[in-house]
Amino acid sequence: MSNTEIFFTILGMAAVTQLCRCFFLLPKEDLPMPRWLQEGLRYAPIAALMAVVAPEIVMTQGHLIHTWRDARLFGAATGLAFYVWRQDLLTTIVTGTGVMLVLRFGLGW
């Protein structure tokens, strides 16, 4: 592949990427969507977050953890319990991370 082809390939890929990202920003009015799609899109961010966080909690090196003595489990459980109790995001993160660090560095889990 020549340098000219590489240049135009990158330019084309940038144009397609920009077009895809601007697709939802260009119209001045909301895009017409069915009600079921609007309801489903409300849960997309939390679903994406769970898809990223859940494997980090229950898996290590690509396998499910096989012991309950894992600091991540207790950190996540503590964070969840604290959020249910207080519903404050920053202190939830601090509490869950604090429990995880104490168990990891204090007990060696």
Foldseek 3Di string as FASTA:
>chain_A
DDPVVVVVVVVVVVVVVVCVVCVCVPDPDHDDDDPVVVVVVVCVVVVVVCVPVVCVQQDDPRHGDDDPLALSVVLVVQLVVVCVVPVDNVVSNVSSVVSSVCSCVVVVD
